[in-house]
Amino acid sequence: MSIWIRAVCTKSVGPLAAIDLAGALADCDFETWAAVQGLDEEEGTAAEAALRFEYPKHRTQEYGLLRYRADDGFIRFDRWTGAAAREEADEMLASLDDSSPAEIREVLAECVETVGFELKASDVVGMGFNIALAAAMVVAVEGEGLVQTDNDGDTWFDPLTGDEL
């Protein structure tokens, strides 16, 4: 089972390769992220050293691979636009309860694209969750949107403050 972290955007971010995700994460504190996950600081340092974003040479789809481990593991991320993004936003909107903040409903109603990071269980217990969440926050800032995670239920974040909504 996959766990998704999504940037839900009201403005197009354009080609994923055009966003300098690695540069945007350069000032992040990987050692603290490791400590929060109950990992050794060395695991944070190793993830930071291995961090890279790869994109296909011939784009038939908008996707990339987030690599943060020394092995061949990766987190795939995809960009959906048009009808695919609208369908995804409508599904998320339908799943909201009546107490959900109006800000979430507004962003979903205006959604023009989404970028989703697909995590495996090993990513969630390791460094992958924090790295993917930070990358999604960068995308959501660019796309003037919000970030949603479906780990243990839906959680929404304001990317400008990092606060949970």
C-alpha atoms as a PDB file:
ATOM      1  CA  MET A   1       0.000   0.000   0.000  1.00  0.00           C
ATOM      2  CA  SER A   2       1.292   3.412  -0.932  1.00  0.00           C
ATOM      3  CA  ILE A   3       1.090   6.569   1.121  1.00  0.00           C
ATOM      4  CA  TRP A   4       0.663   9.787  -0.820  1.00  0.00           C
ATOM      5  CA  ILE A   5       1.807  13.311  -0.161  1.00  0.00           C
ATOM      6  CA  ARG A   6       0.203  15.751  -2.591  1.00  0.00           C
ATOM      7  CA  ALA A   7       0.716  19.373  -3.481  1.00  0.00           C
ATOM      8  CA  VAL A   8      -2.692  20.649  -4.573  1.00  0.00           C
ATOM      9  CA  CYS A   9      -2.100  23.737  -6.702  1.00  0.00           C
ATOM     10  CA  THR A  10      -4.355  26.581  -7.846  1.00  0.00           C
ATOM     11  CA  LYS A  11      -1.671  27.809 -10.261  1.00  0.00           C
ATOM     12  CA  SER A  12       0.381  25.704 -12.671  1.00  0.00           C
ATOM     13  CA  VAL A  13       3.923  24.967 -11.569  1.00  0.00           C
ATOM     14  CA  GLY A  14       4.915  23.925 -15.101  1.00  0.00           C
ATOM     15  CA  PRO A  15       7.412  21.162 -15.840  1.00  0.00           C
ATOM     16  CA  LEU A  16       8.636  19.491 -12.671  1.00  0.00           C
ATOM     17  CA  ALA A  17      12.254  19.689 -13.804  1.00  0.00           C
ATOM     18  CA  ALA A  18      11.932  23.490 -13.835  1.00  0.00           C
ATOM     19  CA  ILE A  19      11.523  23.538 -10.042  1.00  0.00           C
ATOM     20  CA  ASP A  20      14.849  23.367  -8.230  1.00  0.00           C
ATOM     21  CA  LEU A  21      13.677  20.945  -5.550  1.00  0.00           C
ATOM     22  CA  ALA A  22      17.197  19.885  -4.562  1.00  0.00           C
ATOM     23  CA  GLY A  23      18.248  23.521  -4.190  1.00  0.00           C
ATOM     24  CA  ALA A  24      15.124  24.324  -2.189  1.00  0.00           C
ATOM     25  CA  LEU A  25      15.930  21.523   0.254  1.00  0.00           C
ATOM     26  CA  ALA A  26      19.606  22.457   0.563  1.00  0.00           C
ATOM     27  CA  ASP A  27      19.067  24.413   3.790  1.00  0.00           C
ATOM     28  CA  CYS A  28      16.881  21.789   5.485  1.00  0.00           C
ATOM     29  CA  ASP A  29      18.044  20.127   8.679  1.00  0.00           C
ATOM     30  CA  PHE A  30      18.251  16.440   7.749  1.00  0.00           C
ATOM     31  CA  GLU A  31      19.824  15.493  11.086  1.00  0.00           C
ATOM     32  CA  THR A  32      16.877  16.900  13.022  1.00  0.00           C
ATOM     33  CA  TRP A  33      14.458  15.150  10.661  1.00  0.00           C
ATOM     34  CA  ALA A  34      16.275  11.897  11.409  1.00  0.00           C
ATOM     35  CA  ALA A  35      16.028  12.501  15.156  1.00  0.00           C
ATOM     36  CA  VAL A  36      12.289  13.211  14.887  1.00  0.00           C
ATOM     37  CA  GLN A  37      11.891   9.862  13.087  1.00  0.00           C
ATOM     38  CA  GLY A  38      13.849   8.111  15.854  1.00  0.00           C
ATOM     39  CA  LEU A  39      16.817   7.567  13.543  1.00  0.00           C
ATOM     40  CA  ASP A  40      20.497   8.264  14.042  1.00  0.00           C
ATOM     41  CA  GLU A  41      21.765  11.659  12.870  1.00  0.00           C
ATOM     42  CA  GLU A  42      24.061   9.766  10.484  1.00  0.00           C
ATOM     43  CA  GLU A  43      20.989   8.527   8.613  1.00  0.00           C
ATOM     44  CA  GLY A  44      19.961  12.133   8.084  1.00  0.00           C
ATOM     45  CA  THR A  45      23.434  13.040   6.867  1.00  0.00           C
ATOM     46  CA  ALA A  46      23.455  10.037   4.512  1.00  0.00           C
ATOM     47  CA  ALA A  47      20.015  10.955   3.121  1.00  0.00           C
ATOM     48  CA  GLU A  48      21.142  14.527   2.502  1.00  0.00           C
ATOM     49  CA  ALA A  49      24.288  13.319   0.713  1.00  0.00           C
ATOM     50  CA  ALA A  50      22.285  10.900  -1.468  1.00  0.00           C
ATOM     51  CA  LEU A  51      19.453  13.347  -2.265  1.00  0.00           C
ATOM     52  CA  ARG A  52      18.795  13.879  -5.956  1.00  0.00           C
ATOM     53  CA  PHE A  53      15.845  14.361  -8.249  1.00  0.00           C
ATOM     54  CA  GLU A  54      15.816  12.562 -11.605  1.00  0.00           C
ATOM     55  CA  TYR A  55      13.529  13.227 -14.554  1.00  0.00           C
ATOM     56  CA  PRO A  56      12.859  11.201 -17.714  1.00  0.00           C
ATOM     57  CA  LYS A  57      14.847  12.135 -20.796  1.00  0.00           C
ATOM     58  CA  HIS A  58      11.850  11.752 -23.085  1.00  0.00           C
ATOM     59  CA  ARG A  59       8.771  13.143 -21.417  1.00  0.00           C
ATOM     60  CA  THR A  60       5.621  11.326 -22.297  1.00  0.00           C
ATOM     61  CA  GLN A  61       4.487  11.921 -18.717  1.00  0.00           C
ATOM     62  CA  GLU A  62       5.380  14.465 -16.069  1.00  0.00           C
ATOM     63  CA  TYR A  63       7.127  12.419 -13.441  1.00  0.00           C
ATOM     64  CA  GLY A  64      10.366  12.120 -11.574  1.00  0.00           C
ATOM     65  CA  LEU A  65      12.214  10.061  -9.016  1.00  0.00           C
ATOM     66  CA  LEU A  66      13.301  11.365  -5.626  1.00  0.00           C
ATOM     67  CA  ARG A  67      16.351   9.425  -4.470  1.00  0.00           C
ATOM     68  CA  TYR A  68      17.581   9.788  -0.911  1.00  0.00           C
ATOM     69  CA  ARG A  69      19.135   6.404  -0.152  1.00  0.00           C
ATOM     70  CA  ALA A  70      22.402   4.803  -1.224  1.00  0.00           C
ATOM     71  CA  ASP A  71      20.505   1.771  -2.572  1.00  0.00           C
ATOM     72  CA  ASP A  72      18.277   1.804  -5.652  1.00  0.00           C
ATOM     73  CA  GLY A  73      15.199   2.871  -3.706  1.00  0.00           C
ATOM     74  CA  PHE A  74      13.244   5.929  -4.782  1.00  0.00           C
ATOM     75  CA  ILE A  75      10.023   7.846  -4.302  1.00  0.00           C
ATOM     76  CA  ARG A  76       8.193   8.397  -7.572  1.00  0.00           C
ATOM     77  CA  PHE A  77       6.387  11.689  -8.030  1.00  0.00           C
ATOM     78  CA  ASP A  78       3.878  12.639 -10.717  1.00  0.00           C
ATOM     79  CA  ARG A  79       2.253  15.808 -11.983  1.00  0.00           C
ATOM     80  CA  TRP A  80      -1.404  15.746 -13.020  1.00  0.00           C
ATOM     81  CA  THR A  81      -3.022  18.576 -14.952  1.00  0.00           C
ATOM     82  CA  GLY A  82      -6.350  19.219 -16.640  1.00  0.00           C
ATOM     83  CA  ALA A  83      -9.090  16.613 -16.228  1.00  0.00           C
ATOM     84  CA  ALA A  84      -6.852  14.261 -14.212  1.00  0.00           C
ATOM     85  CA  ALA A  85      -6.088  16.987 -11.646  1.00  0.00           C
ATOM     86  CA  ARG A  86      -9.728  18.049 -11.543  1.00  0.00           C
ATOM     87  CA  GLU A  87     -10.866  14.455 -10.933  1.00  0.00           C
ATOM     88  CA  GLU A  88      -8.370  14.026  -8.103  1.00  0.00           C
ATOM     89  CA  ALA A  89      -9.397  17.352  -6.517  1.00  0.00           C
ATOM     90  CA  ASP A  90     -13.083  16.433  -6.770  1.00  0.00           C
ATOM     91  CA  GLU A  91     -12.427  13.105  -5.021  1.00  0.00           C
ATOM     92  CA  MET A  92     -10.571  14.879  -2.199  1.00  0.00           C
ATOM     93  CA  LEU A  93     -13.348  17.477  -1.943  1.00  0.00           C
ATOM     94  CA  ALA A  94     -15.991  14.745  -1.662  1.00  0.00           C
ATOM     95  CA  SER A  95     -14.026  13.067   1.137  1.00  0.00           C
ATOM     96  CA  LEU A  96     -13.982  16.179   3.354  1.00  0.00           C
ATOM     97  CA  ASP A  97     -16.268  16.368   6.352  1.00  0.00           C
ATOM     98  CA  ASP A  98     -18.348  19.391   7.305  1.00  0.00           C
ATOM     99  CA  SER A  99     -15.766  20.617   9.813  1.00  0.00           C
ATOM    100  CA  SER A 100     -12.967  20.914   7.213  1.00  0.00           C
ATOM    101  CA  PRO A 101     -11.555  24.442   6.918  1.00  0.00           C
ATOM    102  CA  ALA A 102     -12.937  26.609   4.126  1.00  0.00           C
ATOM    103  CA  GLU A 103      -9.353  27.175   2.895  1.00  0.00           C
ATOM    104  CA  ILE A 104      -9.081  23.502   1.924  1.00  0.00           C
ATOM    105  CA  ARG A 105     -12.406  23.592   0.071  1.00  0.00           C
ATOM    106  CA  GLU A 106     -11.388  26.758  -1.789  1.00  0.00           C
ATOM    107  CA  VAL A 107      -8.056  25.323  -2.941  1.00  0.00           C
ATOM    108  CA  LEU A 108      -9.698  22.082  -4.076  1.00  0.00           C
ATOM    109  CA  ALA A 109     -12.391  24.021  -5.962  1.00  0.00           C
ATOM    110  CA  GLU A 110      -9.708  26.061  -7.771  1.00  0.00           C
ATOM    111  CA  CYS A 111      -7.228  23.208  -8.302  1.00  0.00           C
ATOM    112  CA  VAL A 112      -5.553  23.170 -11.729  1.00  0.00           C
ATOM    113  CA  GLU A 113      -2.855  20.603 -11.009  1.00  0.00           C
ATOM    114  CA  THR A 114      -1.528  18.247  -8.384  1.00  0.00           C
ATOM    115  CA  VAL A 115       1.889  16.781  -7.746  1.00  0.00           C
ATOM    116  CA  GLY A 116       1.875  13.532  -5.810  1.00  0.00           C
ATOM    117  CA  PHE A 117       4.757  11.752  -4.081  1.00  0.00           C
ATOM    118  CA  GLU A 118       4.155   8.001  -3.710  1.00  0.00           C
ATOM    119  CA  LEU A 119       5.838   6.595  -0.601  1.00  0.00           C
ATOM    120  CA  LYS A 120       6.323   2.991   0.391  1.00  0.00           C
ATOM    121  CA  ALA A 121       6.165   1.887   4.034  1.00  0.00           C
ATOM    122  CA  SER A 122       9.980   1.963   4.268  1.00  0.00           C
ATOM    123  CA  ASP A 123       9.956   5.617   3.196  1.00  0.00           C
ATOM    124  CA  VAL A 124       7.523   6.539   5.964  1.00  0.00           C
ATOM    125  CA  VAL A 125       9.571   4.999   8.781  1.00  0.00           C
ATOM    126  CA  GLY A 126      12.795   6.350   7.301  1.00  0.00           C
ATOM    127  CA  MET A 127      13.774   9.749   5.950  1.00  0.00           C
ATOM    128  CA  GLY A 128      11.467   9.652   2.923  1.00  0.00           C
ATOM    129  CA  PHE A 129       8.370  11.102   4.551  1.00  0.00           C
ATOM    130  CA  ASN A 130      10.047  14.315   5.731  1.00  0.00           C
ATOM    131  CA  ILE A 131      11.932  14.784   2.464  1.00  0.00           C
ATOM    132  CA  ALA A 132       8.833  14.230   0.318  1.00  0.00           C
ATOM    133  CA  LEU A 133       6.775  16.494   2.586  1.00  0.00           C
ATOM    134  CA  ALA A 134       9.353  19.269   2.265  1.00  0.00           C
ATOM    135  CA  ALA A 135       9.465  18.841  -1.538  1.00  0.00           C
ATOM    136  CA  ALA A 136       5.657  18.954  -1.709  1.00  0.00           C
ATOM    137  CA  MET A 137       5.695  22.144   0.381  1.00  0.00           C
ATOM    138  CA  VAL A 138       8.044  23.746  -2.164  1.00  0.00           C
ATOM    139  CA  VAL A 139       5.731  22.736  -5.017  1.00  0.00           C
ATOM    140  CA  ALA A 140       2.651  23.992  -3.148  1.00  0.00           C
ATOM    141  CA  VAL A 141       4.264  27.383  -2.549  1.00  0.00           C
ATOM    142  CA  GLU A 142       5.052  27.633  -6.282  1.00  0.00           C
ATOM    143  CA  GLY A 143       1.514  26.510  -7.129  1.00  0.00           C
ATOM    144  CA  GLU A 144      -0.224  28.687  -4.522  1.00  0.00           C
ATOM    145  CA  GLY A 145      -1.871  25.686  -2.918  1.00  0.00           C
ATOM    146  CA  LEU A 146      -1.827  23.316   0.023  1.00  0.00           C
ATOM    147  CA  VAL A 147      -0.228  19.987   0.914  1.00  0.00           C
ATOM    148  CA  GLN A 148      -2.240  16.893   1.794  1.00  0.00           C
ATOM    149  CA  THR A 149      -0.897  13.664   3.287  1.00  0.00           C
ATOM    150  CA  ASP A 150      -2.887  10.456   3.599  1.00  0.00           C
ATOM    151  CA  ASN A 151      -0.743   8.872   6.299  1.00  0.00           C
ATOM    152  CA  ASP A 152      -3.103   7.882   9.153  1.00  0.00           C
ATOM    153  CA  GLY A 153      -5.993   9.822   7.610  1.00  0.00           C
ATOM    154  CA  ASP A 154      -5.949  13.046   5.652  1.00  0.00           C
ATOM    155  CA  THR A 155      -3.835  15.861   7.033  1.00  0.00           C
ATOM    156  CA  TRP A 156      -3.591  19.250   5.342  1.00  0.00           C
ATOM    157  CA  PHE A 157      -0.761  21.767   5.641  1.00  0.00           C
ATOM    158  CA  ASP A 158      -0.280  25.422   4.753  1.00  0.00           C
ATOM    159  CA  PRO A 159       3.080  25.408   2.907  1.00  0.00           C
ATOM    160  CA  LEU A 160       3.856  29.010   3.807  1.00  0.00           C
ATOM    161  CA  THR A 161       3.752  28.364   7.543  1.00  0.00           C
ATOM    162  CA  GLY A 162       4.103  24.574   7.729  1.00  0.00           C
ATOM    163  CA  ASP A 163       1.066  24.591  10.031  1.00  0.00           C
ATOM    164  CA  GLU A 164      -1.512  21.835   9.991  1.00  0.00           C
ATOM    165  CA  LEU A 165      -4.969  23.047   8.982  1.00  0.00           C
END
